[in-house]
All heavy atoms as atom14 arrays in JSON, in Angstrom:
{
  "sequence": "HSLLVYPTLSEKLQREWDEAEQARYEDLIT",
  "atom14_mask": [
    [1, 1, 1, 1, 1, 1, 1, 1, 1, 1, 0, 0, 0, 0],
    [1, 1, 1, 1, 1, 1, 0, 0, 0, 0, 0, 0, 0, 0],
    [1, 1, 1, 1, 1, 1, 1, 1, 0, 0, 0, 0, 0, 0],
    [1, 1, 1, 1, 1, 1, 1, 1, 0, 0, 0, 0, 0, 0],
    [1, 1, 1, 1, 1, 1, 1, 0, 0, 0, 0, 0, 0, 0],
    [1, 1, 1, 1, 1, 1, 1, 1, 1, 1, 1, 1, 0, 0],
    [1, 1, 1, 1, 1, 1, 1, 0, 0, 0, 0, 0, 0, 0],
    [1, 1, 1, 1, 1, 1, 1, 0, 0, 0, 0, 0, 0, 0],
    [1, 1, 1, 1, 1, 1, 1, 1, 0, 0, 0, 0, 0, 0],
    [1, 1, 1, 1, 1, 1, 0, 0, 0, 0, 0, 0, 0, 0],
    [1, 1, 1, 1, 1, 1, 1, 1, 1, 0, 0, 0, 0, 0],
    [1, 1, 1, 1, 1, 1, 1, 1, 1, 0, 0, 0, 0, 0],
    [1, 1, 1, 1, 1, 1, 1, 1, 0, 0, 0, 0, 0, 0],
    [1, 1, 1, 1, 1, 1, 1, 1, 1, 0, 0, 0, 0, 0],
    [1, 1, 1, 1, 1, 1, 1, 1, 1, 1, 1, 0, 0, 0],
    [1, 1, 1, 1, 1, 1, 1, 1, 1, 0, 0, 0, 0, 0],
    [1, 1, 1, 1, 1, 1, 1, 1, 1, 1, 1, 1, 1, 1],
    [1, 1, 1, 1, 1, 1, 1, 1, 0, 0, 0, 0, 0, 0],
    [1, 1, 1, 1, 1, 1, 1, 1, 1, 0, 0, 0, 0, 0],
    [1, 1, 1, 1, 1, 0, 0, 0, 0, 0, 0, 0, 0, 0],
    [1, 1, 1, 1, 1, 1, 1, 1, 1, 0, 0, 0, 0, 0],
    [1, 1, 1, 1, 1, 1, 1, 1, 1, 0, 0, 0, 0, 0],
    [1, 1, 1, 1, 1, 0, 0, 0, 0, 0, 0, 0, 0, 0],
    [1, 1, 1, 1, 1, 1, 1, 1, 1, 1, 1, 0, 0, 0],
    [1, 1, 1, 1, 1, 1, 1, 1, 1, 1, 1, 1, 0, 0],
    [1, 1, 1, 1, 1, 1, 1, 1, 1, 0, 0, 0, 0, 0],
    [1, 1, 1, 1, 1, 1, 1, 1, 0, 0, 0, 0, 0, 0],
    [1, 1, 1, 1, 1, 1, 1, 1, 0, 0, 0, 0, 0, 0],
    [1, 1, 1, 1, 1, 1, 1, 1, 0, 0, 0, 0, 0, 0],
    [1, 1, 1, 1, 1, 1, 1, 0, 0, 0, 0, 0, 0, 0]
  ],
  "atom14_positions": [
    [[2.74, 150.03, -11.5], [3.89, 150.71, -12.01], [5.14, 150.62, -11.11], [6.08, 151.36, -11.31], [3.51, 152.15, -12.21], [2.42, 152.36, -13.21], [1.66, 153.52, -13.38], [1.93, 151.46, -14.19], [0.82, 153.38, -14.32], [0.91, 152.16, -14.79], [0.0, 0.0, 0.0], [0.0, 0.0, 0.0], [0.0, 0.0, 0.0], [0.0, 0.0, 0.0]],
    [[5.03, 149.78, -10.05], [6.06, 149.75, -9.11], [7.43, 149.23, -9.54], [8.49, 149.55, -9.0], [5.62, 148.95, -7.83], [5.39, 147.61, -8.24], [0.0, 0.0, 0.0], [0.0, 0.0, 0.0], [0.0, 0.0, 0.0], [0.0, 0.0, 0.0], [0.0, 0.0, 0.0], [0.0, 0.0, 0.0], [0.0, 0.0, 0.0], [0.0, 0.0, 0.0]],
    [[7.46, 148.45, -10.67], [8.62, 147.83, -11.13], [9.0, 148.33, -12.58], [9.76, 147.7, -13.3], [8.49, 146.33, -11.16], [8.43, 145.66, -9.71], [8.24, 144.16, -9.88], [9.72, 145.92, -8.99], [0.0, 0.0, 0.0], [0.0, 0.0, 0.0], [0.0, 0.0, 0.0], [0.0, 0.0, 0.0], [0.0, 0.0, 0.0], [0.0, 0.0, 0.0]],
    [[8.52, 149.5, -12.93], [8.9, 150.05, -14.24], [10.34, 150.63, -14.2], [10.74, 151.22, -13.17], [7.92, 151.19, -14.65], [6.45, 150.72, -14.97], [5.67, 151.94, -15.36], [6.46, 149.65, -16.07], [0.0, 0.0, 0.0], [0.0, 0.0, 0.0], [0.0, 0.0, 0.0], [0.0, 0.0, 0.0], [0.0, 0.0, 0.0], [0.0, 0.0, 0.0]],
    [[11.11, 150.43, -15.23], [12.43, 150.88, -15.35], [12.63, 152.34, -15.68], [13.33, 153.1, -15.04], [13.23, 150.0, -16.33], [14.67, 150.47, -16.39], [13.2, 148.52, -15.94], [0.0, 0.0, 0.0], [0.0, 0.0, 0.0], [0.0, 0.0, 0.0], [0.0, 0.0, 0.0], [0.0, 0.0, 0.0], [0.0, 0.0, 0.0], [0.0, 0.0, 0.0]],
    [[11.85, 152.77, -16.69], [12.03, 154.11, -17.31], [11.98, 155.22, -16.19], [12.75, 156.12, -16.18], [10.93, 154.32, -18.34], [11.1, 155.6, -19.23], [12.02, 155.67, -20.21], [10.47, 156.79, -18.75], [12.1, 156.78, -21.01], [10.61, 157.94, -19.52], [11.44, 157.91, -20.56], [11.54, 159.14, -21.35], [0.0, 0.0, 0.0], [0.0, 0.0, 0.0]],
    [[10.94, 155.18, -15.27], [10.89, 156.3, -14.29], [12.09, 156.37, -13.36], [12.26, 157.41, -12.7], [9.58, 155.96, -13.45], [8.79, 155.08, -14.41], [9.87, 154.25, -15.14], [0.0, 0.0, 0.0], [0.0, 0.0, 0.0], [0.0, 0.0, 0.0], [0.0, 0.0, 0.0], [0.0, 0.0, 0.0], [0.0, 0.0, 0.0], [0.0, 0.0, 0.0]],
    [[12.85, 155.33, -13.22], [13.97, 155.33, -12.28], [15.16, 156.07, -12.87], [16.19, 156.28, -12.19], [14.38, 153.89, -11.87], [14.91, 153.18, -13.01], [13.18, 153.13, -11.28], [0.0, 0.0, 0.0], [0.0, 0.0, 0.0], [0.0, 0.0, 0.0], [0.0, 0.0, 0.0], [0.0, 0.0, 0.0], [0.0, 0.0, 0.0], [0.0, 0.0, 0.0]],
    [[15.17, 156.31, -14.21], [16.32, 156.88, -14.9], [16.26, 158.39, -14.74], [15.25, 159.07, -14.57], [16.32, 156.51, -16.41], [16.29, 155.01, -16.69], [16.23, 154.84, -18.22], [17.51, 154.33, -16.11], [0.0, 0.0, 0.0], [0.0, 0.0, 0.0], [0.0, 0.0, 0.0], [0.0, 0.0, 0.0], [0.0, 0.0, 0.0], [0.0, 0.0, 0.0]],
    [[17.52, 159.03, -14.9], [17.6, 160.46, -14.95], [17.04, 161.02, -16.23], [16.82, 160.26, -17.21], [19.05, 160.9, -14.77], [19.84, 160.39, -15.92], [0.0, 0.0, 0.0], [0.0, 0.0, 0.0], [0.0, 0.0, 0.0], [0.0, 0.0, 0.0], [0.0, 0.0, 0.0], [0.0, 0.0, 0.0], [0.0, 0.0, 0.0], [0.0, 0.0, 0.0]],
    [[16.82, 162.3, -16.3], [16.24, 162.87, -17.48], [17.19, 162.66, -18.72], [16.75, 162.45, -19.84], [16.0, 164.37, -17.3], [14.86, 164.69, -16.35], [14.59, 166.15, -16.21], [15.26, 166.93, -17.0], [13.75, 166.58, -15.38], [0.0, 0.0, 0.0], [0.0, 0.0, 0.0], [0.0, 0.0, 0.0], [0.0, 0.0, 0.0], [0.0, 0.0, 0.0]],
    [[18.51, 162.75, -18.44], [19.48, 162.55, -19.53], [19.37, 161.15, -20.07], [19.32, 160.93, -21.29], [20.84, 162.79, -18.94], [22.0, 162.54, -20.03], [23.35, 162.8, -19.36], [24.47, 162.44, -20.36], [24.5, 161.02, -20.57], [0.0, 0.0, 0.0], [0.0, 0.0, 0.0], [0.0, 0.0, 0.0], [0.0, 0.0, 0.0], [0.0, 0.0, 0.0]],
    [[19.31, 160.13, -19.22], [19.24, 158.77, -19.7], [17.86, 158.5, -20.26], [17.79, 157.67, -21.25], [19.51, 157.82, -18.5], [20.91, 157.9, -18.0], [21.06, 156.91, -16.76], [21.97, 157.62, -19.05], [0.0, 0.0, 0.0], [0.0, 0.0, 0.0], [0.0, 0.0, 0.0], [0.0, 0.0, 0.0], [0.0, 0.0, 0.0], [0.0, 0.0, 0.0]],
    [[16.83, 159.12, -19.85], [15.53, 158.98, -20.46], [15.56, 159.48, -21.94], [14.98, 158.85, -22.79], [14.42, 159.65, -19.65], [14.11, 158.96, -18.34], [13.01, 159.68, -17.59], [12.63, 160.82, -17.92], [12.52, 159.11, -16.46], [0.0, 0.0, 0.0], [0.0, 0.0, 0.0], [0.0, 0.0, 0.0], [0.0, 0.0, 0.0], [0.0, 0.0, 0.0]],
    [[16.2, 160.62, -22.15], [16.33, 161.13, -23.49], [17.11, 160.2, -24.36], [16.74, 159.99, -25.51], [17.01, 162.52, -23.43], [16.08, 163.67, -22.95], [16.66, 164.98, -23.3], [18.06, 165.15, -22.71], [18.26, 165.69, -21.49], [17.27, 166.08, -20.75], [19.48, 165.79, -21.09], [0.0, 0.0, 0.0], [0.0, 0.0, 0.0], [0.0, 0.0, 0.0]],
    [[18.18, 159.62, -23.82], [18.95, 158.65, -24.63], [18.11, 157.39, -25.03], [18.25, 156.89, -26.08], [20.25, 158.24, -23.81], [21.21, 159.38, -23.63], [22.43, 158.85, -22.94], [22.63, 157.68, -22.75], [23.31, 159.71, -22.51], [0.0, 0.0, 0.0], [0.0, 0.0, 0.0], [0.0, 0.0, 0.0], [0.0, 0.0, 0.0], [0.0, 0.0, 0.0]],
    [[17.32, 157.04, -24.02], [16.4, 155.83, -24.34], [15.44, 156.27, -25.43], [15.13, 155.45, -26.35], [15.72, 155.35, -23.06], [15.1, 154.04, -23.21], [14.86, 153.33, -24.4], [14.58, 153.25, -22.18], [14.25, 152.05, -24.1], [14.0, 152.01, -22.76], [14.53, 153.36, -20.8], [13.47, 151.04, -22.01], [13.96, 152.32, -20.07], [13.42, 151.16, -20.62]],
    [[14.9, 157.42, -25.33], [13.91, 157.84, -26.32], [14.5, 157.93, -27.7], [13.92, 157.5, -28.72], [13.35, 159.31, -25.95], [12.51, 159.3, -24.71], [11.96, 158.21, -24.38], [12.28, 160.37, -24.1], [0.0, 0.0, 0.0], [0.0, 0.0, 0.0], [0.0, 0.0, 0.0], [0.0, 0.0, 0.0], [0.0, 0.0, 0.0], [0.0, 0.0, 0.0]],
    [[15.78, 158.45, -27.81], [16.44, 158.52, -29.05], [16.72, 157.14, -29.62], [16.66, 156.9, -30.87], [17.78, 159.31, -28.87], [17.54, 160.75, -28.63], [18.89, 161.46, -28.22], [19.91, 160.74, -28.18], [18.85, 162.63, -27.93], [0.0, 0.0, 0.0], [0.0, 0.0, 0.0], [0.0, 0.0, 0.0], [0.0, 0.0, 0.0], [0.0, 0.0, 0.0]],
    [[17.08, 156.2, -28.71], [17.31, 154.84, -29.13], [16.03, 154.18, -29.72], [16.03, 153.51, -30.73], [17.83, 153.98, -28.03], [0.0, 0.0, 0.0], [0.0, 0.0, 0.0], [0.0, 0.0, 0.0], [0.0, 0.0, 0.0], [0.0, 0.0, 0.0], [0.0, 0.0, 0.0], [0.0, 0.0, 0.0], [0.0, 0.0, 0.0], [0.0, 0.0, 0.0]],
    [[14.96, 154.4, -29.04], [13.62, 153.9, -29.49], [13.29, 154.47, -30.89], [12.84, 153.74, -31.79], [12.56, 154.25, -28.49], [12.55, 153.53, -27.21], [12.07, 152.1, -27.32], [11.53, 151.75, -28.4], [12.24, 151.36, -26.37], [0.0, 0.0, 0.0], [0.0, 0.0, 0.0], [0.0, 0.0, 0.0], [0.0, 0.0, 0.0], [0.0, 0.0, 0.0]],
    [[13.52, 155.82, -31.08], [13.2, 156.43, -32.37], [14.05, 155.87, -33.44], [13.64, 155.57, -34.5], [13.4, 157.97, -32.23], [12.96, 158.73, -33.52], [11.45, 158.62, -33.79], [10.71, 158.4, -32.85], [11.13, 158.73, -35.03], [0.0, 0.0, 0.0], [0.0, 0.0, 0.0], [0.0, 0.0, 0.0], [0.0, 0.0, 0.0], [0.0, 0.0, 0.0]],
    [[15.39, 155.67, -33.15], [16.31, 155.14, -34.08], [15.93, 153.7, -34.54], [15.98, 153.3, -35.69], [17.69, 155.14, -33.64], [0.0, 0.0, 0.0], [0.0, 0.0, 0.0], [0.0, 0.0, 0.0], [0.0, 0.0, 0.0], [0.0, 0.0, 0.0], [0.0, 0.0, 0.0], [0.0, 0.0, 0.0], [0.0, 0.0, 0.0], [0.0, 0.0, 0.0]],
    [[15.49, 152.94, -33.55], [15.04, 151.62, -33.85], [13.74, 151.57, -34.69], [13.61, 150.81, -35.59], [14.84, 150.79, -32.48], [14.31, 149.39, -32.67], [15.25, 148.57, -33.48], [14.74, 147.27, -33.67], [15.05, 146.47, -34.74], [15.84, 146.95, -35.75], [14.55, 145.25, -34.88], [0.0, 0.0, 0.0], [0.0, 0.0, 0.0], [0.0, 0.0, 0.0]],
    [[12.88, 152.51, -34.32], [11.61, 152.59, -35.04], [11.77, 152.94, -36.54], [11.06, 152.42, -37.4], [10.73, 153.57, -34.37], [9.42, 153.92, -35.16], [8.29, 152.95, -35.01], [9.25, 155.04, -35.89], [7.12, 153.22, -35.72], [8.04, 155.27, -36.61], [6.99, 154.37, -36.43], [5.83, 154.63, -37.14], [0.0, 0.0, 0.0], [0.0, 0.0, 0.0]],
    [[12.82, 153.82, -36.79], [13.08, 154.2, -38.17], [14.1, 153.29, -38.81], [14.53, 153.55, -39.95], [13.7, 155.62, -38.14], [12.68, 156.68, -37.63], [13.34, 158.06, -37.47], [14.5, 158.16, -37.83], [12.57, 158.99, -37.09], [0.0, 0.0, 0.0], [0.0, 0.0, 0.0], [0.0, 0.0, 0.0], [0.0, 0.0, 0.0], [0.0, 0.0, 0.0]],
    [[14.38, 152.18, -38.22], [15.38, 151.14, -38.79], [16.73, 151.67, -38.99], [17.42, 151.25, -39.97], [14.76, 150.54, -40.09], [13.61, 149.57, -39.83], [13.59, 148.98, -38.71], [12.77, 149.43, -40.75], [0.0, 0.0, 0.0], [0.0, 0.0, 0.0], [0.0, 0.0, 0.0], [0.0, 0.0, 0.0], [0.0, 0.0, 0.0], [0.0, 0.0, 0.0]],
    [[17.11, 152.69, -38.23], [18.45, 153.24, -38.33], [19.41, 152.41, -37.6], [20.69, 152.49, -37.93], [18.49, 154.71, -37.75], [17.51, 155.7, -38.47], [17.6, 157.02, -37.74], [17.94, 155.84, -39.93], [0.0, 0.0, 0.0], [0.0, 0.0, 0.0], [0.0, 0.0, 0.0], [0.0, 0.0, 0.0], [0.0, 0.0, 0.0], [0.0, 0.0, 0.0]],
    [[19.05, 151.59, -36.69], [19.89, 150.69, -35.99], [19.33, 149.27, -35.99], [18.07, 149.13, -36.01], [20.26, 151.11, -34.56], [18.89, 151.33, -33.8], [21.09, 152.39, -34.5], [19.08, 151.67, -32.27], [0.0, 0.0, 0.0], [0.0, 0.0, 0.0], [0.0, 0.0, 0.0], [0.0, 0.0, 0.0], [0.0, 0.0, 0.0], [0.0, 0.0, 0.0]],
    [[20.1, 148.26, -35.75], [19.64, 146.9, -35.69], [19.1, 146.59, -34.29], [19.28, 147.37, -33.32], [20.7, 145.9, -36.02], [21.8, 146.01, -35.13], [21.2, 146.15, -37.48], [0.0, 0.0, 0.0], [0.0, 0.0, 0.0], [0.0, 0.0, 0.0], [0.0, 0.0, 0.0], [0.0, 0.0, 0.0], [0.0, 0.0, 0.0], [0.0, 0.0, 0.0]]
  ]
}
């Protein structure tokens, strides 16, 4: 896990990534 990107982000940016993942999963964004 030494080169994972997600753990290096702040909580705010992690939430933004989670929201982007959800939007992509629901086909709300390309």
